[in-house]
Amino acid sequence: KENVIPMGRENGQRVYQFQYKGQPQKHIGAMAQDVLKTNPEAVKEMDGFYAVDYDAIGVRMREV
């Protein structure tokens, strides 16, 4: 992720606006590193990257 901007909190989780590296589309969502601290069961590792189970934390990841 790049161009990460804090956007506040949703359902107790910090949320950020960001872009995936090399992609123009902006998203709002949680960072797995933050979720690991509060809900480690909601984070999985896939292909060497962390992925957040958004249903498990009650936050909706979305495009901006």
N, C-alpha and C. Protein backbone atom coordinates (compact mmCIF):
# COMPACT_ATOMS: atom_id res chain seq x y z
N LYS A 1 0.84 -1.17 0.00
CA LYS A 1 0.00 0.00 0.00
C LYS A 1 0.89 1.23 0.00
N GLU A 2 0.35 2.30 -0.55
CA GLU A 2 1.08 3.56 -0.58
C GLU A 2 0.08 4.70 -0.46
N ASN A 3 0.61 5.90 -0.25
CA ASN A 3 -0.22 7.09 -0.09
C ASN A 3 -1.27 6.88 1.00
N VAL A 4 -0.82 6.38 2.15
CA VAL A 4 -1.70 6.03 3.26
C VAL A 4 -2.04 7.28 4.06
N ILE A 5 -3.36 7.51 4.25
CA ILE A 5 -3.84 8.68 4.99
C ILE A 5 -4.82 8.19 6.06
N PRO A 6 -4.57 8.48 7.35
CA PRO A 6 -5.53 8.11 8.39
C PRO A 6 -6.87 8.81 8.17
N MET A 7 -7.96 8.05 8.35
CA MET A 7 -9.30 8.59 8.13
C MET A 7 -10.18 8.51 9.38
N GLY A 8 -9.63 8.05 10.49
CA GLY A 8 -10.43 7.95 11.71
C GLY A 8 -10.64 6.50 12.12
N ARG A 9 -11.81 6.26 12.73
CA ARG A 9 -12.13 4.92 13.22
C ARG A 9 -13.52 4.50 12.78
N GLU A 10 -13.67 3.22 12.58
CA GLU A 10 -14.96 2.60 12.30
C GLU A 10 -15.04 1.33 13.14
N ASN A 11 -16.09 1.20 13.88
CA ASN A 11 -16.30 0.01 14.72
C ASN A 11 -15.06 -0.29 15.58
N GLY A 12 -14.41 0.76 16.06
CA GLY A 12 -13.25 0.61 16.93
C GLY A 12 -11.94 0.37 16.21
N GLN A 13 -11.96 0.25 14.90
CA GLN A 13 -10.74 0.00 14.12
C GLN A 13 -10.29 1.28 13.43
N ARG A 14 -8.99 1.50 13.40
CA ARG A 14 -8.46 2.61 12.61
C ARG A 14 -8.67 2.28 11.13
N VAL A 15 -9.10 3.29 10.38
CA VAL A 15 -9.25 3.11 8.93
C VAL A 15 -8.42 4.16 8.21
N TYR A 16 -8.01 3.82 7.01
CA TYR A 16 -7.10 4.64 6.22
C TYR A 16 -7.58 4.69 4.78
N GLN A 17 -7.24 5.78 4.12
CA GLN A 17 -7.35 5.83 2.66
C GLN A 17 -5.99 5.43 2.12
N PHE A 18 -5.96 4.61 1.08
CA PHE A 18 -4.70 4.15 0.53
C PHE A 18 -4.88 3.71 -0.91
N GLN A 19 -3.76 3.49 -1.56
CA GLN A 19 -3.72 2.89 -2.89
C GLN A 19 -2.83 1.67 -2.83
N TYR A 20 -3.21 0.64 -3.56
CA TYR A 20 -2.30 -0.48 -3.71
C TYR A 20 -1.17 -0.04 -4.63
N LYS A 21 0.03 -0.47 -4.32
CA LYS A 21 1.20 -0.03 -5.09
C LYS A 21 0.98 -0.24 -6.59
N GLY A 22 1.21 0.83 -7.33
CA GLY A 22 1.10 0.78 -8.77
C GLY A 22 -0.32 0.87 -9.31
N GLN A 23 -1.30 1.09 -8.43
CA GLN A 23 -2.70 1.17 -8.85
C GLN A 23 -3.25 2.56 -8.59
N PRO A 24 -4.04 3.11 -9.50
CA PRO A 24 -4.57 4.46 -9.31
C PRO A 24 -5.78 4.54 -8.38
N GLN A 25 -6.54 3.45 -8.24
CA GLN A 25 -7.78 3.48 -7.46
C GLN A 25 -7.49 3.63 -5.96
N LYS A 26 -8.24 4.52 -5.30
CA LYS A 26 -8.11 4.72 -3.85
C LYS A 26 -9.14 3.86 -3.12
N HIS A 27 -8.75 3.41 -1.94
CA HIS A 27 -9.61 2.57 -1.11
C HIS A 27 -9.62 3.13 0.30
N ILE A 28 -10.64 2.76 1.05
CA ILE A 28 -10.67 3.02 2.49
C ILE A 28 -10.83 1.66 3.16
N GLY A 29 -9.96 1.41 4.14
CA GLY A 29 -10.01 0.14 4.85
C GLY A 29 -9.03 0.13 6.00
N ALA A 30 -8.98 -1.00 6.67
CA ALA A 30 -8.11 -1.18 7.82
C ALA A 30 -6.75 -1.70 7.37
N MET A 31 -5.76 -1.52 8.22
CA MET A 31 -4.43 -2.08 7.99
C MET A 31 -4.30 -3.35 8.83
N ALA A 32 -3.86 -4.41 8.20
CA ALA A 32 -3.75 -5.69 8.89
C ALA A 32 -2.87 -5.59 10.13
N GLN A 33 -1.82 -4.79 10.08
CA GLN A 33 -0.93 -4.66 11.23
C GLN A 33 -1.67 -4.10 12.44
N ASP A 34 -2.61 -3.19 12.22
CA ASP A 34 -3.44 -2.67 13.32
C ASP A 34 -4.41 -3.74 13.82
N VAL A 35 -5.04 -4.43 12.88
CA VAL A 35 -6.04 -5.44 13.24
C VAL A 35 -5.38 -6.59 14.00
N LEU A 36 -4.15 -6.93 13.67
CA LEU A 36 -3.43 -7.98 14.40
C LEU A 36 -3.37 -7.70 15.89
N LYS A 37 -3.27 -6.43 16.25
CA LYS A 37 -3.16 -6.05 17.67
C LYS A 37 -4.47 -6.21 18.42
N THR A 38 -5.59 -6.03 17.73
CA THR A 38 -6.89 -6.04 18.41
C THR A 38 -7.72 -7.28 18.11
N ASN A 39 -7.60 -7.82 16.90
CA ASN A 39 -8.38 -8.98 16.46
C ASN A 39 -7.50 -9.91 15.61
N PRO A 40 -6.50 -10.53 16.19
CA PRO A 40 -5.58 -11.34 15.38
C PRO A 40 -6.27 -12.45 14.59
N GLU A 41 -7.41 -12.93 15.08
CA GLU A 41 -8.12 -13.99 14.36
C GLU A 41 -8.73 -13.49 13.05
N ALA A 42 -8.79 -12.17 12.86
CA ALA A 42 -9.38 -11.59 11.65
C ALA A 42 -8.32 -11.31 10.57
N VAL A 43 -7.10 -11.78 10.79
CA VAL A 43 -6.03 -11.55 9.81
C VAL A 43 -5.47 -12.91 9.37
N LYS A 44 -5.36 -13.06 8.07
CA LYS A 44 -4.78 -14.27 7.48
C LYS A 44 -3.58 -13.87 6.63
N GLU A 45 -2.67 -14.79 6.43
CA GLU A 45 -1.55 -14.55 5.53
C GLU A 45 -1.81 -15.27 4.22
N MET A 46 -1.69 -14.52 3.12
CA MET A 46 -1.93 -15.10 1.79
C MET A 46 -0.80 -14.67 0.87
N ASP A 47 -0.07 -15.63 0.34
CA ASP A 47 1.02 -15.35 -0.61
C ASP A 47 2.03 -14.35 -0.05
N GLY A 48 2.31 -14.44 1.24
CA GLY A 48 3.29 -13.56 1.86
C GLY A 48 2.76 -12.20 2.28
N PHE A 49 1.44 -11.97 2.11
CA PHE A 49 0.83 -10.71 2.50
C PHE A 49 -0.27 -10.98 3.51
N TYR A 50 -0.51 -10.02 4.39
CA TYR A 50 -1.62 -10.11 5.31
C TYR A 50 -2.91 -9.69 4.62
N ALA A 51 -4.01 -10.34 4.99
CA ALA A 51 -5.33 -10.00 4.47
C ALA A 51 -6.30 -9.91 5.65
N VAL A 52 -7.11 -8.86 5.67
CA VAL A 52 -8.08 -8.64 6.74
C VAL A 52 -9.41 -9.27 6.35
N ASP A 53 -10.01 -9.99 7.28
CA ASP A 53 -11.38 -10.49 7.12
C ASP A 53 -12.29 -9.38 7.62
N TYR A 54 -12.77 -8.56 6.71
CA TYR A 54 -13.55 -7.38 7.08
C TYR A 54 -14.85 -7.74 7.77
N ASP A 55 -15.47 -8.86 7.41
CA ASP A 55 -16.69 -9.28 8.10
C ASP A 55 -16.44 -9.51 9.58
N ALA A 56 -15.26 -10.02 9.91
CA ALA A 56 -14.93 -10.33 11.30
C ALA A 56 -14.71 -9.09 12.16
N ILE A 57 -14.40 -7.95 11.53
CA ILE A 57 -14.16 -6.73 12.32
C ILE A 57 -15.29 -5.70 12.15
N GLY A 58 -16.28 -6.01 11.35
CA GLY A 58 -17.42 -5.11 11.20
C GLY A 58 -17.11 -3.80 10.49
N VAL A 59 -16.14 -3.84 9.58
CA VAL A 59 -15.76 -2.67 8.79
C VAL A 59 -15.91 -3.05 7.32
N ARG A 60 -16.32 -2.10 6.52
CA ARG A 60 -16.48 -2.36 5.08
C ARG A 60 -15.34 -1.69 4.33
N MET A 61 -14.54 -2.49 3.61
CA MET A 61 -13.53 -1.90 2.75
C MET A 61 -14.23 -1.43 1.49
N ARG A 62 -13.83 -0.25 1.02
CA ARG A 62 -14.53 0.32 -0.14
C ARG A 62 -13.61 1.16 -0.99
N GLU A 63 -14.00 1.31 -2.25
CA GLU A 63 -13.29 2.20 -3.16
C GLU A 63 -13.80 3.61 -2.93
N VAL A 64 -12.92 4.57 -3.13
CA VAL A 64 -13.28 5.98 -2.95
C VAL A 64 -13.61 6.57 -4.31
